[in-house]
Amino acid sequence: MYILYYLLSLGAMVMAMFADLSTRGVGFLVVMALVFLFLGSWNLLSRRVESQRRSERHIISPDELQRMRELAEQAKGRKSDNNGNDA
């Protein structure tokens, strides 16, 4: 889709350069070229950001997070018990 926006912006710029229009018409074509260029860039950027996004499958559920916290607390308690017994 972004290629279409870039082609439309290029076409608008070419029309602005070679068309025998008033200043308003040329200004309109330049503005349209900038709009299409912006939309194409935005589309390209959004695709790149979307491709780098993590999948929802990797999100930890609240239950699993609670279980991991409990395991960490148990490991921390065992470690402090072992340090207390060694002294």
N, C-alpha and C. Protein backbone atom coordinates (compact mmCIF):
# COMPACT_ATOMS: atom_id res chain seq x y z
N MET A 1 0.83 -1.20 0.00
CA MET A 1 0.00 0.00 0.00
C MET A 1 0.86 1.26 0.00
N TYR A 2 1.98 1.21 0.75
CA TYR A 2 2.81 2.40 0.81
C TYR A 2 3.43 2.73 -0.55
N ILE A 3 3.63 1.72 -1.39
CA ILE A 3 4.17 1.97 -2.73
C ILE A 3 3.17 2.80 -3.54
N LEU A 4 1.88 2.50 -3.36
CA LEU A 4 0.84 3.26 -4.04
C LEU A 4 0.88 4.73 -3.62
N TYR A 5 1.05 4.99 -2.32
CA TYR A 5 1.14 6.37 -1.83
C TYR A 5 2.35 7.08 -2.43
N TYR A 6 3.48 6.39 -2.50
CA TYR A 6 4.67 7.02 -3.07
C TYR A 6 4.49 7.31 -4.56
N LEU A 7 3.84 6.39 -5.27
CA LEU A 7 3.58 6.64 -6.69
C LEU A 7 2.61 7.81 -6.88
N LEU A 8 1.60 7.90 -6.04
CA LEU A 8 0.66 9.02 -6.13
C LEU A 8 1.37 10.34 -5.82
N SER A 9 2.27 10.33 -4.84
CA SER A 9 2.99 11.57 -4.53
C SER A 9 3.92 11.96 -5.67
N LEU A 10 4.56 10.97 -6.27
CA LEU A 10 5.44 11.26 -7.42
C LEU A 10 4.62 11.80 -8.59
N GLY A 11 3.45 11.20 -8.84
CA GLY A 11 2.58 11.69 -9.91
C GLY A 11 2.10 13.10 -9.67
N ALA A 12 1.76 13.42 -8.43
CA ALA A 12 1.33 14.78 -8.10
C ALA A 12 2.46 15.78 -8.29
N MET A 13 3.68 15.39 -7.93
CA MET A 13 4.82 16.29 -8.12
C MET A 13 5.10 16.51 -9.60
N VAL A 14 5.02 15.45 -10.40
CA VAL A 14 5.25 15.58 -11.85
C VAL A 14 4.18 16.48 -12.46
N MET A 15 2.93 16.29 -12.06
CA MET A 15 1.86 17.15 -12.58
C MET A 15 2.08 18.60 -12.16
N ALA A 16 2.57 18.81 -10.96
CA ALA A 16 2.81 20.17 -10.49
C ALA A 16 3.94 20.82 -11.29
N MET A 17 4.92 20.03 -11.69
CA MET A 17 6.06 20.60 -12.44
C MET A 17 5.70 20.91 -13.88
N PHE A 18 4.96 20.02 -14.52
CA PHE A 18 4.74 20.15 -15.96
C PHE A 18 3.37 20.68 -16.35
N ALA A 19 2.46 20.78 -15.45
CA ALA A 19 1.12 21.25 -15.79
C ALA A 19 1.11 22.78 -15.89
N ASP A 20 0.27 23.28 -16.74
CA ASP A 20 0.11 24.73 -16.90
C ASP A 20 -1.09 25.14 -16.05
N LEU A 21 -0.84 25.24 -14.74
CA LEU A 21 -1.91 25.56 -13.81
C LEU A 21 -1.62 26.89 -13.14
N SER A 22 -2.62 27.39 -12.47
CA SER A 22 -2.43 28.60 -11.70
C SER A 22 -1.60 28.26 -10.45
N THR A 23 -1.25 29.29 -9.71
CA THR A 23 -0.46 29.09 -8.49
C THR A 23 -1.23 28.25 -7.49
N ARG A 24 -2.53 28.44 -7.43
CA ARG A 24 -3.36 27.64 -6.54
C ARG A 24 -3.34 26.16 -6.90
N GLY A 25 -3.43 25.85 -8.17
CA GLY A 25 -3.43 24.46 -8.63
C GLY A 25 -2.11 23.79 -8.33
N VAL A 26 -1.01 24.49 -8.58
CA VAL A 26 0.31 23.93 -8.29
C VAL A 26 0.46 23.74 -6.79
N GLY A 27 0.00 24.71 -6.01
CA GLY A 27 0.07 24.58 -4.55
C GLY A 27 -0.73 23.38 -4.06
N PHE A 28 -1.90 23.20 -4.64
CA PHE A 28 -2.73 22.06 -4.27
C PHE A 28 -2.02 20.74 -4.60
N LEU A 29 -1.41 20.65 -5.77
CA LEU A 29 -0.72 19.42 -6.15
C LEU A 29 0.49 19.17 -5.25
N VAL A 30 1.19 20.21 -4.88
CA VAL A 30 2.34 20.04 -3.97
C VAL A 30 1.86 19.56 -2.61
N VAL A 31 0.77 20.15 -2.13
CA VAL A 31 0.23 19.72 -0.84
C VAL A 31 -0.23 18.26 -0.92
N MET A 32 -0.89 17.88 -2.00
CA MET A 32 -1.33 16.50 -2.16
C MET A 32 -0.13 15.55 -2.23
N ALA A 33 0.92 15.95 -2.90
CA ALA A 33 2.12 15.12 -2.95
C ALA A 33 2.70 14.92 -1.55
N LEU A 34 2.72 15.98 -0.77
CA LEU A 34 3.22 15.87 0.59
C LEU A 34 2.33 14.97 1.45
N VAL A 35 1.02 15.08 1.25
CA VAL A 35 0.09 14.23 2.00
C VAL A 35 0.30 12.76 1.65
N PHE A 36 0.40 12.46 0.35
CA PHE A 36 0.62 11.07 -0.05
C PHE A 36 1.97 10.56 0.45
N LEU A 37 2.97 11.40 0.42
CA LEU A 37 4.30 11.01 0.92
C LEU A 37 4.23 10.73 2.42
N PHE A 38 3.53 11.57 3.16
CA PHE A 38 3.36 11.36 4.59
C PHE A 38 2.62 10.05 4.86
N LEU A 39 1.52 9.81 4.14
CA LEU A 39 0.74 8.58 4.35
C LEU A 39 1.56 7.34 4.02
N GLY A 40 2.34 7.40 2.96
CA GLY A 40 3.19 6.26 2.62
C GLY A 40 4.24 6.01 3.68
N SER A 41 4.84 7.07 4.19
CA SER A 41 5.84 6.92 5.25
C SER A 41 5.20 6.38 6.52
N TRP A 42 4.01 6.87 6.85
CA TRP A 42 3.31 6.41 8.04
C TRP A 42 2.96 4.92 7.92
N ASN A 43 2.51 4.51 6.75
CA ASN A 43 2.17 3.12 6.52
C ASN A 43 3.41 2.23 6.63
N LEU A 44 4.51 2.66 6.06
CA LEU A 44 5.75 1.90 6.14
C LEU A 44 6.23 1.79 7.58
N LEU A 45 6.17 2.88 8.31
CA LEU A 45 6.59 2.88 9.71
C LEU A 45 5.70 1.99 10.56
N SER A 46 4.39 2.04 10.34
CA SER A 46 3.49 1.21 11.13
C SER A 46 3.71 -0.27 10.85
N ARG A 47 4.02 -0.63 9.62
CA ARG A 47 4.32 -2.03 9.31
C ARG A 47 5.60 -2.47 10.02
N ARG A 48 6.59 -1.62 10.05
CA ARG A 48 7.85 -1.98 10.71
C ARG A 48 7.64 -2.15 12.21
N VAL A 49 6.90 -1.26 12.82
CA VAL A 49 6.64 -1.36 14.26
C VAL A 49 5.81 -2.61 14.55
N GLU A 50 4.83 -2.89 13.72
CA GLU A 50 3.98 -4.06 13.93
C GLU A 50 4.78 -5.35 13.79
N SER A 51 5.75 -5.39 12.90
CA SER A 51 6.54 -6.62 12.73
C SER A 51 7.46 -6.87 13.91
N GLN A 52 7.80 -5.84 14.68
CA GLN A 52 8.69 -6.01 15.82
C GLN A 52 7.92 -6.22 17.13
N ARG A 53 6.62 -6.20 17.08
CA ARG A 53 5.80 -6.36 18.27
C ARG A 53 5.78 -7.81 18.71
N ARG A 54 5.81 -8.03 20.01
CA ARG A 54 5.76 -9.39 20.52
C ARG A 54 4.36 -9.96 20.40
N SER A 55 4.30 -11.25 20.28
CA SER A 55 3.02 -11.94 20.18
C SER A 55 2.32 -11.96 21.53
N GLU A 56 1.01 -12.01 21.51
CA GLU A 56 0.24 -12.07 22.74
C GLU A 56 0.42 -13.40 23.45
N ARG A 57 0.95 -14.40 22.76
CA ARG A 57 1.16 -15.70 23.38
C ARG A 57 2.20 -15.64 24.50
N HIS A 58 3.06 -14.64 24.47
CA HIS A 58 4.14 -14.53 25.45
C HIS A 58 3.74 -13.74 26.69
N ILE A 59 2.52 -13.30 26.75
CA ILE A 59 2.07 -12.54 27.91
C ILE A 59 1.77 -13.52 29.05
N ILE A 60 2.28 -13.21 30.23
CA ILE A 60 2.11 -14.08 31.39
C ILE A 60 0.75 -13.79 32.03
N SER A 61 0.03 -14.86 32.35
CA SER A 61 -1.27 -14.68 32.99
C SER A 61 -1.06 -14.31 34.46
N PRO A 62 -2.04 -13.70 35.10
CA PRO A 62 -1.89 -13.33 36.52
C PRO A 62 -1.63 -14.53 37.42
N ASP A 63 -2.25 -15.67 37.11
CA ASP A 63 -2.03 -16.87 37.92
C ASP A 63 -0.59 -17.36 37.81
N GLU A 64 -0.09 -17.37 36.60
CA GLU A 64 1.30 -17.80 36.40
C GLU A 64 2.28 -16.83 37.05
N LEU A 65 1.98 -15.56 36.98
CA LEU A 65 2.83 -14.56 37.62
C LEU A 65 2.83 -14.74 39.14
N GLN A 66 1.69 -15.02 39.73
CA GLN A 66 1.61 -15.26 41.17
C GLN A 66 2.41 -16.51 41.55
N ARG A 67 2.31 -17.56 40.74
CA ARG A 67 3.06 -18.78 41.01
C ARG A 67 4.57 -18.52 40.94
N MET A 68 5.00 -17.73 39.98
CA MET A 68 6.42 -17.40 39.86
C MET A 68 6.90 -16.58 41.05
N ARG A 69 6.06 -15.67 41.54
CA ARG A 69 6.42 -14.88 42.72
C ARG A 69 6.56 -15.77 43.95
N GLU A 70 5.64 -16.73 44.10
CA GLU A 70 5.71 -17.65 45.24
C GLU A 70 6.98 -18.49 45.17
N LEU A 71 7.33 -18.98 43.98
CA LEU A 71 8.55 -19.76 43.83
C LEU A 71 9.78 -18.92 44.15
N ALA A 72 9.77 -17.67 43.75
CA ALA A 72 10.90 -16.78 44.04
C ALA A 72 11.01 -16.52 45.53
N GLU A 73 9.88 -16.33 46.20
CA GLU A 73 9.90 -16.13 47.65
C GLU A 73 10.43 -17.37 48.37
N GLN A 74 10.01 -18.57 47.91
CA GLN A 74 10.50 -19.80 48.51
C GLN A 74 12.01 -19.94 48.32
N ALA A 75 12.48 -19.63 47.12
CA ALA A 75 13.92 -19.72 46.86
C ALA A 75 14.68 -18.70 47.70
N LYS A 76 14.13 -17.53 47.86
CA LYS A 76 14.75 -16.50 48.69
C LYS A 76 14.79 -16.94 50.15
N GLY A 77 13.71 -17.57 50.63
CA GLY A 77 13.67 -18.07 52.01
C GLY A 77 14.69 -19.17 52.23
N ARG A 78 14.80 -20.10 51.27
CA ARG A 78 15.79 -21.17 51.39
C ARG A 78 17.21 -20.62 51.39
N LYS A 79 17.44 -19.60 50.57
CA LYS A 79 18.77 -19.01 50.50
C LYS A 79 19.12 -18.31 51.81
N SER A 80 18.17 -17.59 52.41
CA SER A 80 18.44 -16.93 53.67
C SER A 80 18.61 -17.95 54.79
N ASP A 81 17.88 -19.08 54.74
CA ASP A 81 18.05 -20.15 55.74
C ASP A 81 19.43 -20.78 55.64
N ASN A 82 19.89 -21.01 54.42
CA ASN A 82 21.22 -21.59 54.23
C ASN A 82 22.31 -20.64 54.69
N ASN A 83 22.14 -19.35 54.46
CA ASN A 83 23.13 -18.36 54.92
C ASN A 83 23.13 -18.25 56.43
N GLY A 84 21.98 -18.42 57.07
CA GLY A 84 21.90 -18.35 58.53
C GLY A 84 22.50 -19.57 59.19
N ASN A 85 22.39 -20.73 58.57
CA ASN A 85 22.94 -21.97 59.13
C ASN A 85 24.45 -22.06 58.99
N ASP A 86 25.01 -21.44 57.97
CA ASP A 86 26.45 -21.50 57.73
C ASP A 86 27.23 -20.67 58.74
N ALA A 87 26.64 -19.66 59.32
CA ALA A 87 27.37 -18.76 60.20
C ALA A 87 27.60 -19.29 61.56
